Amino acid sequence: MAIKQINKEDWQPFFDSFSHKYLKDDQPEYAEIRILSAESGAQPQTEWLVLEGLTFNAKEDLLDIRVEGLNRMILNPSQVYVDEDTDGWITSMEIVESDGTKDIIELR
């Protein structure tokens, strides 16, 4: 597996490409979201729900994570990392918020 950081100027095209590649076919992708913070530790946000969308609005500096029944909006995210398997498929993402909180998105 290879972890790489996505540069901020590439976020909007990256998430557009991700949505096109992973979310536009007949097979749903599932996501599990955990939030890691210094105050609360690791907190599960969702357990394997259908991933409906990941979009970044550069003008508003807003990342929107949509899973079945939940929208998680992150204002002013500071970093995005992705973990790819040997075939280039993304297996997880880490979104670092401006306060250091990390949103871990596992994909299957």
PDB file of N, CA and C in Angstrom:
ATOM      1  N   MET A   1       0.839  -1.176   0.000  1.00  0.00           N
ATOM      2  CA  MET A   1       0.000   0.000   0.000  1.00  0.00           C
ATOM      3  C   MET A   1       0.886   1.242   0.000  1.00  0.00           C
ATOM      4  N   ALA A   2       0.389   2.280  -0.637  1.00  0.00           N
ATOM      5  CA  ALA A   2       1.161   3.512  -0.747  1.00  0.00           C
ATOM      6  C   ALA A   2       0.319   4.684  -0.266  1.00  0.00           C
ATOM      7  N   ILE A   3       0.828   5.375   0.731  1.00  0.00           N
ATOM      8  CA  ILE A   3       0.136   6.554   1.248  1.00  0.00           C
ATOM      9  C   ILE A   3       0.742   7.774   0.581  1.00  0.00           C
ATOM     10  N   LYS A   4      -0.132   8.641   0.075  1.00  0.00           N
ATOM     11  CA  LYS A   4       0.378   9.868  -0.536  1.00  0.00           C
ATOM     12  C   LYS A   4      -0.501  11.043  -0.139  1.00  0.00           C
ATOM     13  N   GLN A   5       0.131  12.197  -0.066  1.00  0.00           N
ATOM     14  CA  GLN A   5      -0.583  13.431   0.243  1.00  0.00           C
ATOM     15  C   GLN A   5      -1.048  14.066  -1.062  1.00  0.00           C
ATOM     16  N   ILE A   6      -2.270  14.575  -1.050  1.00  0.00           N
ATOM     17  CA  ILE A   6      -2.812  15.287  -2.201  1.00  0.00           C
ATOM     18  C   ILE A   6      -2.638  16.780  -1.936  1.00  0.00           C
ATOM     19  N   ASN A   7      -1.993  17.492  -2.849  1.00  0.00           N
ATOM     20  CA  ASN A   7      -1.803  18.936  -2.695  1.00  0.00           C
ATOM     21  C   ASN A   7      -3.142  19.654  -2.762  1.00  0.00           C
ATOM     22  N   LYS A   8      -3.284  20.694  -1.975  1.00  0.00           N
ATOM     23  CA  LYS A   8      -4.568  21.383  -1.861  1.00  0.00           C
ATOM     24  C   LYS A   8      -5.086  21.896  -3.200  1.00  0.00           C
ATOM     25  N   GLU A   9      -4.211  22.381  -4.068  1.00  0.00           N
ATOM     26  CA  GLU A   9      -4.674  22.891  -5.362  1.00  0.00           C
ATOM     27  C   GLU A   9      -5.237  21.765  -6.244  1.00  0.00           C
ATOM     28  N   ASP A  10      -4.968  20.517  -5.872  1.00  0.00           N
ATOM     29  CA  ASP A  10      -5.469  19.366  -6.630  1.00  0.00           C
ATOM     30  C   ASP A  10      -6.721  18.730  -6.021  1.00  0.00           C
ATOM     31  N   TRP A  11      -7.187  19.245  -4.880  1.00  0.00           N
ATOM     32  CA  TRP A  11      -8.304  18.594  -4.197  1.00  0.00           C
ATOM     33  C   TRP A  11      -9.567  18.536  -5.046  1.00  0.00           C
ATOM     34  N   GLN A  12      -9.960  19.660  -5.630  1.00  0.00           N
ATOM     35  CA  GLN A  12     -11.215  19.663  -6.383  1.00  0.00           C
ATOM     36  C   GLN A  12     -11.163  18.667  -7.551  1.00  0.00           C
ATOM     37  N   PRO A  13     -10.132  18.701  -8.409  1.00  0.00           N
ATOM     38  CA  PRO A  13     -10.097  17.691  -9.476  1.00  0.00           C
ATOM     39  C   PRO A  13      -9.930  16.263  -8.942  1.00  0.00           C
ATOM     40  N   PHE A  14      -9.206  16.093  -7.834  1.00  0.00           N
ATOM     41  CA  PHE A  14      -9.043  14.757  -7.258  1.00  0.00           C
ATOM     42  C   PHE A  14     -10.387  14.181  -6.830  1.00  0.00           C
ATOM     43  N   PHE A  15     -11.172  14.954  -6.072  1.00  0.00           N
ATOM     44  CA  PHE A  15     -12.459  14.441  -5.596  1.00  0.00           C
ATOM     45  C   PHE A  15     -13.458  14.280  -6.740  1.00  0.00           C
ATOM     46  N   ASP A  16     -13.393  15.151  -7.747  1.00  0.00           N
ATOM     47  CA  ASP A  16     -14.237  14.972  -8.937  1.00  0.00           C
ATOM     48  C   ASP A  16     -13.883  13.654  -9.631  1.00  0.00           C
ATOM     49  N   SER A  17     -12.598  13.401  -9.800  1.00  0.00           N
ATOM     50  CA  SER A  17     -12.137  12.167 -10.440  1.00  0.00           C
ATOM     51  C   SER A  17     -12.500  10.943  -9.597  1.00  0.00           C
ATOM     52  N   PHE A  18     -12.327  11.055  -8.284  1.00  0.00           N
ATOM     53  CA  PHE A  18     -12.686   9.958  -7.382  1.00  0.00           C
ATOM     54  C   PHE A  18     -14.159   9.603  -7.534  1.00  0.00           C
ATOM     55  N   SER A  19     -15.022  10.613  -7.506  1.00  0.00           N
ATOM     56  CA  SER A  19     -16.463  10.373  -7.627  1.00  0.00           C
ATOM     57  C   SER A  19     -16.799   9.724  -8.960  1.00  0.00           C
ATOM     58  N   HIS A  20     -16.161  10.185 -10.022  1.00  0.00           N
ATOM     59  CA  HIS A  20     -16.414   9.605 -11.345  1.00  0.00           C
ATOM     60  C   HIS A  20     -15.955   8.144 -11.404  1.00  0.00           C
ATOM     61  N   LYS A  21     -14.795   7.870 -10.843  1.00  0.00           N
ATOM     62  CA  LYS A  21     -14.217   6.524 -10.916  1.00  0.00           C
ATOM     63  C   LYS A  21     -14.923   5.525 -10.001  1.00  0.00           C
ATOM     64  N   TYR A  22     -15.275   5.960  -8.789  1.00  0.00           N
ATOM     65  CA  TYR A  22     -15.770   5.031  -7.781  1.00  0.00           C
ATOM     66  C   TYR A  22     -17.288   5.049  -7.588  1.00  0.00           C
ATOM     67  N   LEU A  23     -17.940   6.151  -7.910  1.00  0.00           N
ATOM     68  CA  LEU A  23     -19.342   6.294  -7.521  1.00  0.00           C
ATOM     69  C   LEU A  23     -20.317   6.342  -8.683  1.00  0.00           C
ATOM     70  N   LYS A  24     -19.854   6.197  -9.903  1.00  0.00           N
ATOM     71  CA  LYS A  24     -20.731   6.332 -11.067  1.00  0.00           C
ATOM     72  C   LYS A  24     -21.106   4.994 -11.704  1.00  0.00           C
ATOM     73  N   ASP A  25     -20.828   3.885 -11.032  1.00  0.00           N
ATOM     74  CA  ASP A  25     -21.196   2.592 -11.598  1.00  0.00           C
ATOM     75  C   ASP A  25     -22.332   1.967 -10.784  1.00  0.00           C
ATOM     76  N   ASP A  26     -22.697   0.752 -11.120  1.00  0.00           N
ATOM     77  CA  ASP A  26     -23.824   0.090 -10.465  1.00  0.00           C
ATOM     78  C   ASP A  26     -23.469  -0.552  -9.131  1.00  0.00           C
ATOM     79  N   GLN A  27     -22.187  -0.654  -8.824  1.00  0.00           N
ATOM     80  CA  GLN A  27     -21.775  -1.257  -7.564  1.00  0.00           C
ATOM     81  C   GLN A  27     -21.485  -0.168  -6.543  1.00  0.00           C
ATOM     82  N   PRO A  28     -22.233  -0.154  -5.435  1.00  0.00           N
ATOM     83  CA  PRO A  28     -21.995   0.892  -4.439  1.00  0.00           C
ATOM     84  C   PRO A  28     -20.668   0.687  -3.716  1.00  0.00           C
ATOM     85  N   GLU A  29     -20.072   1.783  -3.334  1.00  0.00           N
ATOM     86  CA  GLU A  29     -18.893   1.760  -2.474  1.00  0.00           C
ATOM     87  C   GLU A  29     -19.387   2.008  -1.049  1.00  0.00           C
ATOM     88  N   TYR A  30     -18.737   1.374  -0.100  1.00  0.00           N
ATOM     89  CA  TYR A  30     -19.119   1.532   1.298  1.00  0.00           C
ATOM     90  C   TYR A  30     -17.993   2.242   2.039  1.00  0.00           C
ATOM     91  N   ALA A  31     -18.392   3.049   3.020  1.00  0.00           N
ATOM     92  CA  ALA A  31     -17.412   3.809   3.792  1.00  0.00           C
ATOM     93  C   ALA A  31     -17.696   3.672   5.282  1.00  0.00           C
ATOM     94  N   GLU A  32     -16.622   3.607   6.026  1.00  0.00           N
ATOM     95  CA  GLU A  32     -16.684   3.666   7.482  1.00  0.00           C
ATOM     96  C   GLU A  32     -15.866   4.887   7.878  1.00  0.00           C
ATOM     97  N   ILE A  33     -16.438   5.749   8.693  1.00  0.00           N
ATOM     98  CA  ILE A  33     -15.761   6.993   9.067  1.00  0.00           C
ATOM     99  C   ILE A  33     -15.493   6.990  10.565  1.00  0.00           C
ATOM    100  N   ARG A  34     -14.244   7.281  10.921  1.00  0.00           N
ATOM    101  CA  ARG A  34     -13.843   7.461  12.320  1.00  0.00           C
ATOM    102  C   ARG A  34     -13.245   8.847  12.460  1.00  0.00           C
ATOM    103  N   ILE A  35     -13.471   9.452  13.602  1.00  0.00           N
ATOM    104  CA  ILE A  35     -12.923  10.777  13.875  1.00  0.00           C
ATOM    105  C   ILE A  35     -11.943  10.651  15.032  1.00  0.00           C
ATOM    106  N   LEU A  36     -10.720  11.125  14.806  1.00  0.00           N
ATOM    107  CA  LEU A  36      -9.674  11.090  15.828  1.00  0.00           C
ATOM    108  C   LEU A  36      -9.365  12.508  16.272  1.00  0.00           C
ATOM    109  N   SER A  37      -9.555  12.768  17.562  1.00  0.00           N
ATOM    110  CA  SER A  37      -9.227  14.096  18.078  1.00  0.00           C
ATOM    111  C   SER A  37      -8.467  13.957  19.388  1.00  0.00           C
ATOM    112  N   ALA A  38      -7.697  14.980  19.720  1.00  0.00           N
ATOM    113  CA  ALA A  38      -6.930  14.973  20.961  1.00  0.00           C
ATOM    114  C   ALA A  38      -7.865  14.948  22.167  1.00  0.00           C
ATOM    115  N   GLU A  39      -9.019  15.586  22.043  1.00  0.00           N
ATOM    116  CA  GLU A  39      -9.964  15.671  23.162  1.00  0.00           C
ATOM    117  C   GLU A  39     -10.745  14.383  23.382  1.00  0.00           C
ATOM    118  N   SER A  40     -11.204  13.751  22.293  1.00  0.00           N
ATOM    119  CA  SER A  40     -12.132  12.619  22.404  1.00  0.00           C
ATOM    120  C   SER A  40     -11.526  11.273  22.061  1.00  0.00           C
ATOM    121  N   GLY A  41     -10.336  11.256  21.507  1.00  0.00           N
ATOM    122  CA  GLY A  41      -9.766  10.001  21.037  1.00  0.00           C
ATOM    123  C   GLY A  41     -10.435   9.570  19.746  1.00  0.00           C
ATOM    124  N   ALA A  42     -10.520   8.267  19.521  1.00  0.00           N
ATOM    125  CA  ALA A  42     -11.132   7.731  18.298  1.00  0.00           C
ATOM    126  C   ALA A  42     -12.624   7.518  18.521  1.00  0.00           C
ATOM    127  N   GLN A  43     -13.428   8.126  17.675  1.00  0.00           N
ATOM    128  CA  GLN A  43     -14.882   8.013  17.766  1.00  0.00           C
ATOM    129  C   GLN A  43     -15.434   7.543  16.426  1.00  0.00           C
ATOM    130  N   PRO A  44     -16.176   6.422  16.405  1.00  0.00           N
ATOM    131  CA  PRO A  44     -16.792   6.016  15.139  1.00  0.00           C
ATOM    132  C   PRO A  44     -17.902   6.985  14.753  1.00  0.00           C
ATOM    133  N   GLN A  45     -17.939   7.373  13.500  1.00  0.00           N
ATOM    134  CA  GLN A  45     -18.981   8.257  12.982  1.00  0.00           C
ATOM    135  C   GLN A  45     -20.015   7.433  12.221  1.00  0.00           C
ATOM    136  N   THR A  46     -19.538   6.467  11.425  1.00  0.00           N
ATOM    137  CA  THR A  46     -20.430   5.570  10.680  1.00  0.00           C
ATOM    138  C   THR A  46     -19.806   4.186  10.630  1.00  0.00           C
ATOM    139  N   GLU A  47     -20.630   3.195  10.354  1.00  0.00           N
ATOM    140  CA  GLU A  47     -20.149   1.841  10.118  1.00  0.00           C
ATOM    141  C   GLU A  47     -20.670   1.360   8.782  1.00  0.00           C
ATOM    142  N   TRP A  48     -19.845   1.313   7.793  1.00  0.00           N
ATOM    143  CA  TRP A  48     -20.081   0.742   6.474  1.00  0.00           C
ATOM    144  C   TRP A  48     -21.435   1.115   5.877  1.00  0.00           C
ATOM    145  N   LEU A  49     -21.550   2.391   5.565  1.00  0.00           N
ATOM    146  CA  LEU A  49     -22.719   2.911   4.863  1.00  0.00           C
ATOM    147  C   LEU A  49     -22.348   3.175   3.407  1.00  0.00           C
ATOM    148  N   VAL A  50     -23.353   3.243   2.555  1.00  0.00           N
ATOM    149  CA  VAL A  50     -23.115   3.525   1.140  1.00  0.00           C
ATOM    150  C   VAL A  50     -22.542   4.932   0.998  1.00  0.00           C
ATOM    151  N   LEU A  51     -21.408   5.030   0.332  1.00  0.00           N
ATOM    152  CA  LEU A  51     -20.785   6.323   0.061  1.00  0.00           C
ATOM    153  C   LEU A  51     -21.497   6.956  -1.127  1.00  0.00           C
ATOM    154  N   GLU A  52     -22.063   8.139  -0.904  1.00  0.00           N
ATOM    155  CA  GLU A  52     -22.823   8.814  -1.956  1.00  0.00           C
ATOM    156  C   GLU A  52     -22.041   9.924  -2.635  1.00  0.00           C
ATOM    157  N   GLY A  53     -21.032  10.477  -1.969  1.00  0.00           N
ATOM    158  CA  GLY A  53     -20.264  11.531  -2.606  1.00  0.00           C
ATOM    159  C   GLY A  53     -19.171  12.100  -1.731  1.00  0.00           C
ATOM    160  N   LEU A  54     -18.140  12.588  -2.389  1.00  0.00           N
ATOM    161  CA  LEU A  54     -17.040  13.327  -1.773  1.00  0.00           C
ATOM    162  C   LEU A  54     -16.770  14.505  -2.690  1.00  0.00           C
ATOM    163  N   THR A  55     -17.022  15.709  -2.215  1.00  0.00           N
ATOM    164  CA  THR A  55     -16.795  16.881  -3.055  1.00  0.00           C
ATOM    165  C   THR A  55     -16.046  17.942  -2.268  1.00  0.00           C
ATOM    166  N   PHE A  56     -15.214  18.681  -2.996  1.00  0.00           N
ATOM    167  CA  PHE A  56     -14.501  19.800  -2.392  1.00  0.00           C
ATOM    168  C   PHE A  56     -14.876  21.060  -3.144  1.00  0.00           C
ATOM    169  N   ASN A  57     -15.350  22.063  -2.405  1.00  0.00           N
ATOM    170  CA  ASN A  57     -15.681  23.366  -2.962  1.00  0.00           C
ATOM    171  C   ASN A  57     -14.530  24.304  -2.611  1.00  0.00           C
ATOM    172  N   ALA A  58     -13.678  24.597  -3.578  1.00  0.00           N
ATOM    173  CA  ALA A  58     -12.490  25.424  -3.333  1.00  0.00           C
ATOM    174  C   ALA A  58     -12.862  26.842  -2.925  1.00  0.00           C
ATOM    175  N   LYS A  59     -13.920  27.373  -3.500  1.00  0.00           N
ATOM    176  CA  LYS A  59     -14.326  28.747  -3.195  1.00  0.00           C
ATOM    177  C   LYS A  59     -14.705  28.898  -1.719  1.00  0.00           C
ATOM    178  N   GLU A  60     -15.410  27.904  -1.185  1.00  0.00           N
ATOM    179  CA  GLU A  60     -15.830  27.947   0.221  1.00  0.00           C
ATOM    180  C   GLU A  60     -14.870  27.198   1.140  1.00  0.00           C
ATOM    181  N   ASP A  61     -13.843  26.553   0.568  1.00  0.00           N
ATOM    182  CA  ASP A  61     -12.892  25.730   1.316  1.00  0.00           C
ATOM    183  C   ASP A  61     -13.644  24.719   2.191  1.00  0.00           C
ATOM    184  N   LEU A  62     -14.520  23.951   1.537  1.00  0.00           N
ATOM    185  CA  LEU A  62     -15.426  23.038   2.223  1.00  0.00           C
ATOM    186  C   LEU A  62     -15.375  21.657   1.575  1.00  0.00           C
ATOM    187  N   LEU A  63     -15.112  20.650   2.393  1.00  0.00           N
ATOM    188  CA  LEU A  63     -15.145  19.265   1.940  1.00  0.00           C
ATOM    189  C   LEU A  63     -16.427  18.634   2.459  1.00  0.00           C
ATOM    190  N   ASP A  64     -17.195  18.054   1.554  1.00  0.00           N
ATOM    191  CA  ASP A  64     -18.479  17.441   1.897  1.00  0.00           C
ATOM    192  C   ASP A  64     -18.374  15.936   1.676  1.00  0.00           C
ATOM    193  N   ILE A  65     -18.552  15.178   2.751  1.00  0.00           N
ATOM    194  CA  ILE A  65     -18.542  13.721   2.696  1.00  0.00           C
ATOM    195  C   ILE A  65     -19.984  13.269   2.898  1.00  0.00           C
ATOM    196  N   ARG A  66     -20.541  12.600   1.887  1.00  0.00           N
ATOM    197  CA  ARG A  66     -21.934  12.158   1.983  1.00  0.00           C
ATOM    198  C   ARG A  66     -21.997  10.634   1.970  1.00  0.00           C
ATOM    199  N   VAL A  67     -22.549  10.096   3.040  1.00  0.00           N
ATOM    200  CA  VAL A  67     -22.855   8.672   3.104  1.00  0.00           C
ATOM    201  C   VAL A  67     -24.347   8.549   3.370  1.00  0.00           C
ATOM    202  N   GLU A  68     -24.861   7.370   3.173  1.00  0.00           N
ATOM    203  CA  GLU A  68     -26.279   7.106   3.350  1.00  0.00           C
ATOM    204  C   GLU A  68     -26.769   7.651   4.700  1.00  0.00           C
ATOM    205  N   GLY A  69     -27.612   8.700   4.646  1.00  0.00           N
ATOM    206  CA  GLY A  69     -28.205   9.261   5.853  1.00  0.00           C
ATOM    207  C   GLY A  69     -27.354  10.254   6.618  1.00  0.00           C
ATOM    208  N   LEU A  70     -26.184  10.634   6.097  1.00  0.00           N
ATOM    209  CA  LEU A  70     -25.309  11.547   6.842  1.00  0.00           C
ATOM    210  C   LEU A  70     -24.490  12.405   5.888  1.00  0.00           C
ATOM    211  N   ASN A  71     -24.396  13.678   6.213  1.00  0.00           N
ATOM    212  CA  ASN A  71     -23.471  14.602   5.550  1.00  0.00           C
ATOM    213  C   ASN A  71     -22.457  15.053   6.589  1.00  0.00           C
ATOM    214  N   ARG A  72     -21.193  14.897   6.286  1.00  0.00           N
ATOM    215  CA  ARG A  72     -20.126  15.401   7.163  1.00  0.00           C
ATOM    216  C   ARG A  72     -19.425  16.497   6.387  1.00  0.00           C
ATOM    217  N   MET A  73     -19.537  17.729   6.877  1.00  0.00           N
ATOM    218  CA  MET A  73     -18.918  18.869   6.205  1.00  0.00           C
ATOM    219  C   MET A  73     -17.727  19.346   7.021  1.00  0.00           C
ATOM    220  N   ILE A  74     -16.606  19.491   6.329  1.00  0.00           N
ATOM    221  CA  ILE A  74     -15.374  19.924   6.982  1.00  0.00           C
ATOM    222  C   ILE A  74     -14.970  21.255   6.368  1.00  0.00           C
ATOM    223  N   LEU A  75     -15.030  22.301   7.172  1.00  0.00           N
ATOM    224  CA  LEU A  75     -14.661  23.642   6.733  1.00  0.00           C
ATOM    225  C   LEU A  75     -13.167  23.848   6.953  1.00  0.00           C
ATOM    226  N   ASN A  76     -12.490  24.363   5.953  1.00  0.00           N
ATOM    227  CA  ASN A  76     -11.053  24.661   6.005  1.00  0.00           C
ATOM    228  C   ASN A  76     -10.188  23.441   6.341  1.00  0.00           C
ATOM    229  N   PRO A  77     -10.370  22.325   5.631  1.00  0.00           N
ATOM    230  CA  PRO A  77      -9.472  21.194   5.885  1.00  0.00           C
ATOM    231  C   PRO A  77      -8.037  21.596   5.545  1.00  0.00           C
ATOM    232  N   SER A  78      -7.079  20.986   6.244  1.00  0.00           N
ATOM    233  CA  SER A  78      -5.691  21.403   6.022  1.00  0.00           C
ATOM    234  C   SER A  78      -4.871  20.399   5.213  1.00  0.00           C
ATOM    235  N   GLN A  79      -5.214  19.102   5.284  1.00  0.00           N
ATOM    236  CA  GLN A  79      -4.444  18.092   4.556  1.00  0.00           C
ATOM    237  C   GLN A  79      -5.350  16.938   4.139  1.00  0.00           C
ATOM    238  N   VAL A  80      -4.995  16.298   3.033  1.00  0.00           N
ATOM    239  CA  VAL A  80      -5.687  15.099   2.566  1.00  0.00           C
ATOM    240  C   VAL A  80      -4.628  14.065   2.191  1.00  0.00           C
ATOM    241  N   TYR A  81      -4.772  12.861   2.749  1.00  0.00           N
ATOM    242  CA  TYR A  81      -3.904  11.734   2.420  1.00  0.00           C
ATOM    243  C   TYR A  81      -4.772  10.593   1.897  1.00  0.00           C
ATOM    244  N   VAL A  82      -4.246   9.828   0.959  1.00  0.00           N
ATOM    245  CA  VAL A  82      -4.945   8.644   0.466  1.00  0.00           C
ATOM    246  C   VAL A  82      -4.008   7.444   0.538  1.00  0.00           C
ATOM    247  N   ASP A  83      -4.598   6.284   0.750  1.00  0.00           N
ATOM    248  CA  ASP A  83      -3.857   5.026   0.775  1.00  0.00           C
ATOM    249  C   ASP A  83      -4.354   4.192  -0.395  1.00  0.00           C
ATOM    250  N   GLU A  84      -3.446   3.827  -1.286  1.00  0.00           N
ATOM    251  CA  GLU A  84      -3.791   3.043  -2.469  1.00  0.00           C
ATOM    252  C   GLU A  84      -3.194   1.648  -2.368  1.00  0.00           C
ATOM    253  N   ASP A  85      -3.947   0.654  -2.874  1.00  0.00           N
ATOM    254  CA  ASP A  85      -3.385  -0.695  -2.933  1.00  0.00           C
ATOM    255  C   ASP A  85      -2.467  -0.810  -4.153  1.00  0.00           C
ATOM    256  N   THR A  86      -1.921  -1.976  -4.376  1.00  0.00           N
ATOM    257  CA  THR A  86      -0.947  -2.153  -5.460  1.00  0.00           C
ATOM    258  C   THR A  86      -1.554  -1.969  -6.848  1.00  0.00           C
ATOM    259  N   ASP A  87      -2.882  -2.066  -6.955  1.00  0.00           N
ATOM    260  CA  ASP A  87      -3.565  -1.850  -8.236  1.00  0.00           C
ATOM    261  C   ASP A  87      -3.992  -0.398  -8.436  1.00  0.00           C
ATOM    262  N   GLY A  88      -3.687   0.466  -7.466  1.00  0.00           N
ATOM    263  CA  GLY A  88      -4.040   1.873  -7.587  1.00  0.00           C
ATOM    264  C   GLY A  88      -5.417   2.238  -7.066  1.00  0.00           C
ATOM    265  N   TRP A  89      -6.113   1.277  -6.446  1.00  0.00           N
ATOM    266  CA  TRP A  89      -7.438   1.570  -5.886  1.00  0.00           C
ATOM    267  C   TRP A  89      -7.288   2.168  -4.500  1.00  0.00           C
ATOM    268  N   ILE A  90      -8.055   3.196  -4.233  1.00  0.00           N
ATOM    269  CA  ILE A  90      -7.989   3.878  -2.941  1.00  0.00           C
ATOM    270  C   ILE A  90      -8.726   3.041  -1.900  1.00  0.00           C
ATOM    271  N   THR A  91      -8.038   2.725  -0.806  1.00  0.00           N
ATOM    272  CA  THR A  91      -8.626   1.921   0.263  1.00  0.00           C
ATOM    273  C   THR A  91      -8.993   2.749   1.482  1.00  0.00           C
ATOM    274  N   SER A  92      -8.365   3.915   1.634  1.00  0.00           N
ATOM    275  CA  SER A  92      -8.709   4.796   2.750  1.00  0.00           C
ATOM    276  C   SER A  92      -8.221   6.212   2.467  1.00  0.00           C
ATOM    277  N   MET A  93      -8.806   7.141   3.208  1.00  0.00           N
ATOM    278  CA  MET A  93      -8.410   8.551   3.144  1.00  0.00           C
ATOM    279  C   MET A  93      -8.299   9.083   4.564  1.00  0.00           C
ATOM    280  N   GLU A  94      -7.434  10.054   4.728  1.00  0.00           N
ATOM    281  CA  GLU A  94      -7.335  10.774   5.993  1.00  0.00           C
ATOM    282  C   GLU A  94      -7.464  12.256   5.678  1.00  0.00           C
ATOM    283  N   ILE A  95      -8.452  12.880   6.290  1.00  0.00           N
ATOM    284  CA  ILE A  95      -8.674  14.313   6.136  1.00  0.00           C
ATOM    285  C   ILE A  95      -8.282  14.963   7.452  1.00  0.00           C
ATOM    286  N   VAL A  96      -7.340  15.891   7.410  1.00  0.00           N
ATOM    287  CA  VAL A  96      -6.912  16.598   8.618  1.00  0.00           C
ATOM    288  C   VAL A  96      -7.612  17.950   8.642  1.00  0.00           C
ATOM    289  N   GLU A  97      -8.351  18.180   9.723  1.00  0.00           N
ATOM    290  CA  GLU A  97      -9.069  19.441   9.880  1.00  0.00           C
ATOM    291  C   GLU A  97      -8.115  20.520  10.393  1.00  0.00           C
ATOM    292  N   SER A  98      -8.555  21.765  10.343  1.00  0.00           N
ATOM    293  CA  SER A  98      -7.701  22.891  10.737  1.00  0.00           C
ATOM    294  C   SER A  98      -7.281  22.818  12.207  1.00  0.00           C
ATOM    295  N   ASP A  99      -8.076  22.150  13.060  1.00  0.00           N
ATOM    296  CA  ASP A  99      -7.723  22.035  14.480  1.00  0.00           C
ATOM    297  C   ASP A  99      -6.926  20.765  14.788  1.00  0.00           C
ATOM    298  N   GLY A 100      -6.559  20.006  13.746  1.00  0.00           N
ATOM    299  CA  GLY A 100      -5.783  18.789  13.931  1.00  0.00           C
ATOM    300  C   GLY A 100      -6.617  17.519  14.019  1.00  0.00           C
ATOM    301  N   THR A 101      -7.929  17.652  14.128  1.00  0.00           N
ATOM    302  CA  THR A 101      -8.807  16.484  14.131  1.00  0.00           C
ATOM    303  C   THR A 101      -8.651  15.748  12.806  1.00  0.00           C
ATOM    304  N   LYS A 102      -8.658  14.424  12.870  1.00  0.00           N
ATOM    305  CA  LYS A 102      -8.498  13.613  11.659  1.00  0.00           C
ATOM    306  C   LYS A 102      -9.767  12.811  11.399  1.00  0.00           C
ATOM    307  N   ASP A 103     -10.229  12.860  10.169  1.00  0.00           N
ATOM    308  CA  ASP A 103     -11.341  12.036   9.721  1.00  0.00           C
ATOM    309  C   ASP A 103     -10.743  10.906   8.891  1.00  0.00           C
ATOM    310  N   ILE A 104     -10.913   9.677   9.343  1.00  0.00           N
ATOM    311  CA  ILE A 104     -10.397   8.508   8.643  1.00  0.00           C
ATOM    312  C   ILE A 104     -11.570   7.859   7.917  1.00  0.00           C
ATOM    313  N   ILE A 105     -11.446   7.727   6.605  1.00  0.00           N
ATOM    314  CA  ILE A 105     -12.496   7.127   5.791  1.00  0.00           C
ATOM    315  C   ILE A 105     -11.941   5.836   5.203  1.00  0.00           C
ATOM    316  N   GLU A 106     -12.460   4.709   5.670  1.00  0.00           N
ATOM    317  CA  GLU A 106     -12.093   3.402   5.118  1.00  0.00           C
ATOM    318  C   GLU A 106     -13.088   3.087   4.014  1.00  0.00           C
ATOM    319  N   LEU A 107     -12.609   2.520   2.919  1.00  0.00           N
ATOM    320  CA  LEU A 107     -13.464   2.227   1.768  1.00  0.00           C
ATOM    321  C   LEU A 107     -13.422   0.744   1.426  1.00  0.00           C
ATOM    322  N   ARG A 108     -14.577   0.241   0.967  1.00  0.00           N
ATOM    323  CA  ARG A 108     -14.614  -1.135   0.440  1.00  0.00           C
ATOM    324  C   ARG A 108     -15.714  -1.251  -0.587  1.00  0.00           C
TER     325      ARG A 108
END
